[in-house]
């Protein structure tokens, strides 16, 4: 059983859809691979949200904000006591 409930915000869902639409325009297989990788990484947040993550530097916001990388996509989330709130998914060009 998962230790954390993963909640995906509307913003994160829409960002992820836009990313997949862009990738799909060049490669259907690439879009499916990206979808699987990002969704699997989000599922892993339920069991251990701190592994391979880094603290996000949101100085004006209170709370534990983190991000993880899934291929070229960075998933930003807020870690709370029993839940992980996925805030956004962006293309990470670093």
N, C-alpha and C. Protein backbone atom coordinates (compact mmCIF):
# COMPACT_ATOMS: atom_id res chain seq x y z
N UNK A 1 0.84 -1.19 0.00
CA UNK A 1 0.00 0.00 0.00
C UNK A 1 0.88 1.24 0.00
N UNK A 2 0.45 2.25 -0.70
CA UNK A 2 1.22 3.49 -0.83
C UNK A 2 1.20 4.26 0.48
N UNK A 3 2.32 4.82 0.83
CA UNK A 3 2.43 5.62 2.04
C UNK A 3 1.87 7.03 1.83
N UNK A 4 1.90 7.51 0.59
CA UNK A 4 1.44 8.86 0.27
C UNK A 4 0.37 8.78 -0.82
N UNK A 5 -0.59 9.67 -0.71
CA UNK A 5 -1.58 9.82 -1.78
C UNK A 5 -1.03 10.84 -2.75
N UNK A 6 -1.00 10.53 -4.03
CA UNK A 6 -0.50 11.44 -5.06
C UNK A 6 -1.69 12.14 -5.70
N UNK A 7 -1.67 13.46 -5.65
CA UNK A 7 -2.72 14.29 -6.23
C UNK A 7 -2.09 15.10 -7.37
N UNK A 8 -2.68 15.03 -8.54
CA UNK A 8 -2.18 15.77 -9.70
C UNK A 8 -3.09 16.97 -9.92
N UNK A 9 -2.51 18.17 -9.86
CA UNK A 9 -3.30 19.38 -10.05
C UNK A 9 -3.69 19.54 -11.52
N UNK A 10 -4.67 20.38 -11.76
CA UNK A 10 -5.09 20.66 -13.14
C UNK A 10 -3.93 21.23 -13.95
N UNK A 11 -3.15 22.10 -13.33
CA UNK A 11 -2.01 22.70 -14.03
C UNK A 11 -1.01 21.64 -14.47
N UNK A 12 -0.69 20.71 -13.58
CA UNK A 12 0.25 19.64 -13.92
C UNK A 12 -0.32 18.75 -15.02
N UNK A 13 -1.58 18.42 -14.92
CA UNK A 13 -2.23 17.58 -15.93
C UNK A 13 -2.18 18.26 -17.30
N UNK A 14 -2.54 19.54 -17.34
CA UNK A 14 -2.56 20.26 -18.61
C UNK A 14 -1.15 20.45 -19.18
N UNK A 15 -0.17 20.71 -18.32
CA UNK A 15 1.22 20.83 -18.78
C UNK A 15 1.69 19.53 -19.39
N UNK A 16 1.38 18.44 -18.73
CA UNK A 16 1.78 17.12 -19.21
C UNK A 16 1.11 16.82 -20.55
N UNK A 17 -0.15 17.15 -20.70
CA UNK A 17 -0.85 16.95 -21.97
C UNK A 17 -0.22 17.76 -23.10
N UNK A 18 0.14 19.01 -22.81
CA UNK A 18 0.78 19.86 -23.83
C UNK A 18 2.13 19.29 -24.24
N UNK A 19 2.90 18.82 -23.28
CA UNK A 19 4.20 18.20 -23.59
C UNK A 19 3.99 17.00 -24.50
N UNK A 20 3.05 16.15 -24.16
CA UNK A 20 2.80 14.95 -24.98
C UNK A 20 2.32 15.32 -26.37
N UNK A 21 1.52 16.36 -26.50
CA UNK A 21 1.05 16.80 -27.82
C UNK A 21 2.22 17.24 -28.69
N UNK A 22 3.17 17.95 -28.10
CA UNK A 22 4.35 18.41 -28.86
C UNK A 22 5.19 17.21 -29.28
N UNK A 23 5.43 16.29 -28.36
CA UNK A 23 6.24 15.11 -28.69
C UNK A 23 5.51 14.24 -29.72
N UNK A 24 4.21 14.11 -29.58
CA UNK A 24 3.40 13.29 -30.49
C UNK A 24 3.46 13.83 -31.92
N UNK A 25 3.64 15.14 -32.06
CA UNK A 25 3.69 15.73 -33.40
C UNK A 25 4.91 15.26 -34.18
N UNK A 26 5.93 14.77 -33.48
CA UNK A 26 7.12 14.27 -34.17
C UNK A 26 7.28 12.76 -34.05
N UNK A 27 6.73 12.17 -32.97
CA UNK A 27 6.91 10.73 -32.78
C UNK A 27 5.84 10.16 -31.87
N UNK A 28 5.01 9.28 -32.42
CA UNK A 28 3.99 8.62 -31.61
C UNK A 28 4.62 7.72 -30.56
N UNK A 29 5.66 7.01 -30.94
CA UNK A 29 6.34 6.11 -30.01
C UNK A 29 7.04 6.92 -28.91
N UNK A 30 7.66 8.02 -29.30
CA UNK A 30 8.32 8.88 -28.32
C UNK A 30 7.33 9.45 -27.32
N UNK A 31 6.16 9.82 -27.78
CA UNK A 31 5.13 10.35 -26.88
C UNK A 31 4.67 9.28 -25.90
N UNK A 32 4.49 8.07 -26.39
CA UNK A 32 4.06 6.98 -25.50
C UNK A 32 5.15 6.66 -24.49
N UNK A 33 6.40 6.63 -24.93
CA UNK A 33 7.52 6.39 -24.01
C UNK A 33 7.59 7.47 -22.94
N UNK A 34 7.44 8.72 -23.34
CA UNK A 34 7.47 9.83 -22.38
C UNK A 34 6.32 9.73 -21.39
N UNK A 35 5.15 9.38 -21.89
CA UNK A 35 3.97 9.23 -21.02
C UNK A 35 4.22 8.17 -19.96
N UNK A 36 4.73 7.03 -20.38
CA UNK A 36 4.98 5.92 -19.45
C UNK A 36 6.03 6.30 -18.41
N UNK A 37 7.11 6.93 -18.85
CA UNK A 37 8.20 7.29 -17.93
C UNK A 37 7.71 8.29 -16.88
N UNK A 38 7.00 9.32 -17.30
CA UNK A 38 6.54 10.33 -16.36
C UNK A 38 5.49 9.76 -15.41
N UNK A 39 4.55 9.00 -15.92
CA UNK A 39 3.53 8.41 -15.04
C UNK A 39 4.14 7.43 -14.04
N UNK A 40 5.11 6.63 -14.48
CA UNK A 40 5.77 5.71 -13.55
C UNK A 40 6.51 6.47 -12.46
N UNK A 41 7.12 7.60 -12.83
CA UNK A 41 7.85 8.39 -11.82
C UNK A 41 6.86 8.99 -10.83
N UNK A 42 5.71 9.42 -11.32
CA UNK A 42 4.68 9.95 -10.40
C UNK A 42 4.19 8.87 -9.46
N UNK A 43 4.03 7.65 -9.95
CA UNK A 43 3.61 6.53 -9.09
C UNK A 43 4.64 6.25 -8.01
N UNK A 44 5.92 6.38 -8.34
CA UNK A 44 6.97 6.14 -7.35
C UNK A 44 6.94 7.18 -6.23
N UNK A 45 6.39 8.35 -6.50
CA UNK A 45 6.27 9.38 -5.46
C UNK A 45 5.39 8.89 -4.31
N UNK A 46 4.48 7.98 -4.58
CA UNK A 46 3.58 7.47 -3.55
C UNK A 46 4.33 6.65 -2.50
N UNK A 47 5.40 5.99 -2.89
CA UNK A 47 6.11 5.15 -1.93
C UNK A 47 7.29 5.85 -1.28
N UNK A 48 8.01 6.69 -2.04
CA UNK A 48 9.15 7.39 -1.47
C UNK A 48 9.37 8.70 -2.24
N UNK A 49 8.68 9.76 -1.84
CA UNK A 49 8.74 11.01 -2.60
C UNK A 49 10.05 11.78 -2.48
N UNK A 50 10.91 11.39 -1.56
CA UNK A 50 12.16 12.13 -1.38
C UNK A 50 13.33 11.52 -2.15
N UNK A 51 13.21 10.28 -2.59
CA UNK A 51 14.33 9.62 -3.26
C UNK A 51 14.60 10.29 -4.61
N UNK A 52 15.85 10.58 -4.87
CA UNK A 52 16.33 11.21 -6.10
C UNK A 52 15.63 12.54 -6.39
N UNK A 53 15.21 13.23 -5.34
CA UNK A 53 14.56 14.52 -5.53
C UNK A 53 15.50 15.62 -5.05
N UNK A 54 15.13 16.84 -5.38
CA UNK A 54 15.87 17.97 -4.85
C UNK A 54 14.86 19.00 -4.38
N UNK A 55 15.27 19.74 -3.37
CA UNK A 55 14.38 20.79 -2.85
C UNK A 55 14.27 21.91 -3.87
N UNK A 56 13.06 22.34 -4.11
CA UNK A 56 12.84 23.48 -5.00
C UNK A 56 13.06 24.76 -4.21
N UNK A 57 13.64 25.74 -4.84
CA UNK A 57 13.98 26.99 -4.16
C UNK A 57 12.87 28.02 -4.34
N UNK A 58 11.75 27.75 -3.68
CA UNK A 58 10.62 28.67 -3.68
C UNK A 58 10.66 29.41 -2.35
N UNK A 59 11.45 30.46 -2.27
CA UNK A 59 11.73 31.13 -1.01
C UNK A 59 10.49 31.79 -0.40
N UNK A 60 9.56 32.20 -1.19
CA UNK A 60 8.39 32.92 -0.67
C UNK A 60 7.25 32.00 -0.25
N UNK A 61 7.40 30.71 -0.46
CA UNK A 61 6.34 29.76 -0.13
C UNK A 61 6.76 28.88 1.03
N UNK A 62 5.83 28.66 1.94
CA UNK A 62 6.09 27.75 3.05
C UNK A 62 5.77 26.33 2.63
N UNK A 63 6.52 25.39 3.14
CA UNK A 63 6.27 23.99 2.84
C UNK A 63 7.48 23.34 2.21
N UNK A 64 7.36 22.05 1.99
CA UNK A 64 8.44 21.26 1.41
C UNK A 64 8.16 21.04 -0.07
N UNK A 65 8.74 21.90 -0.90
CA UNK A 65 8.58 21.81 -2.34
C UNK A 65 9.78 21.10 -2.92
N UNK A 66 9.54 20.16 -3.81
CA UNK A 66 10.60 19.34 -4.37
C UNK A 66 10.38 19.14 -5.86
N UNK A 67 11.40 18.59 -6.50
CA UNK A 67 11.25 18.20 -7.90
C UNK A 67 12.05 16.93 -8.15
N UNK A 68 11.61 16.17 -9.12
CA UNK A 68 12.30 14.98 -9.59
C UNK A 68 12.36 15.02 -11.10
N UNK A 69 13.32 14.30 -11.64
CA UNK A 69 13.50 14.26 -13.08
C UNK A 69 13.03 12.91 -13.62
N UNK A 70 12.29 12.95 -14.71
CA UNK A 70 11.88 11.75 -15.44
C UNK A 70 12.22 12.03 -16.90
N UNK A 71 13.30 11.44 -17.37
CA UNK A 71 13.88 11.75 -18.67
C UNK A 71 14.20 13.22 -18.71
N UNK A 72 13.62 13.95 -19.67
CA UNK A 72 13.88 15.39 -19.80
C UNK A 72 12.78 16.23 -19.14
N UNK A 73 11.98 15.61 -18.31
CA UNK A 73 10.83 16.28 -17.73
C UNK A 73 11.00 16.40 -16.22
N UNK A 74 10.82 17.60 -15.71
CA UNK A 74 10.94 17.84 -14.28
C UNK A 74 9.54 17.93 -13.70
N UNK A 75 9.31 17.16 -12.65
CA UNK A 75 8.03 17.13 -11.96
C UNK A 75 8.19 17.90 -10.65
N UNK A 76 7.44 18.98 -10.50
CA UNK A 76 7.45 19.76 -9.27
C UNK A 76 6.27 19.35 -8.41
N UNK A 77 6.54 19.21 -7.11
CA UNK A 77 5.47 18.79 -6.21
C UNK A 77 5.69 19.34 -4.81
N UNK A 78 4.61 19.35 -4.05
CA UNK A 78 4.66 19.74 -2.65
C UNK A 78 4.47 18.48 -1.82
N UNK A 79 5.36 18.28 -0.89
CA UNK A 79 5.31 17.11 -0.01
C UNK A 79 4.64 17.50 1.29
N UNK A 80 3.57 16.81 1.61
CA UNK A 80 2.86 17.03 2.86
C UNK A 80 2.91 15.75 3.67
N UNK A 81 2.25 15.74 4.83
CA UNK A 81 2.37 14.60 5.75
C UNK A 81 1.99 13.26 5.12
N UNK A 82 0.88 13.18 4.47
CA UNK A 82 0.43 11.91 3.88
C UNK A 82 0.07 12.03 2.41
N UNK A 83 0.50 13.13 1.77
CA UNK A 83 0.18 13.28 0.36
C UNK A 83 1.25 14.06 -0.38
N UNK A 84 1.28 13.81 -1.67
CA UNK A 84 2.17 14.50 -2.59
C UNK A 84 1.28 15.21 -3.60
N UNK A 85 1.44 16.52 -3.72
CA UNK A 85 0.63 17.28 -4.65
C UNK A 85 1.52 17.67 -5.83
N UNK A 86 1.27 17.06 -6.98
CA UNK A 86 2.05 17.37 -8.19
C UNK A 86 1.54 18.70 -8.73
N UNK A 87 2.45 19.66 -8.80
CA UNK A 87 2.10 21.03 -9.17
C UNK A 87 2.29 21.34 -10.64
N UNK A 88 3.36 20.80 -11.24
CA UNK A 88 3.65 21.14 -12.63
C UNK A 88 4.62 20.11 -13.21
N UNK A 89 4.60 19.99 -14.51
CA UNK A 89 5.55 19.15 -15.26
C UNK A 89 6.11 20.04 -16.37
N UNK A 90 7.42 20.17 -16.41
CA UNK A 90 8.04 21.03 -17.41
C UNK A 90 9.17 20.29 -18.11
N UNK A 91 9.51 20.79 -19.28
CA UNK A 91 10.68 20.29 -20.00
C UNK A 91 11.91 20.87 -19.32
N UNK A 92 12.84 20.02 -18.91
CA UNK A 92 14.05 20.46 -18.22
C UNK A 92 15.18 20.45 -19.22
N UNK A 93 15.68 21.61 -19.58
CA UNK A 93 16.71 21.72 -20.61
C UNK A 93 18.12 21.70 -20.05
N UNK A 94 18.27 21.49 -18.75
CA UNK A 94 19.61 21.49 -18.16
C UNK A 94 20.32 20.17 -18.34
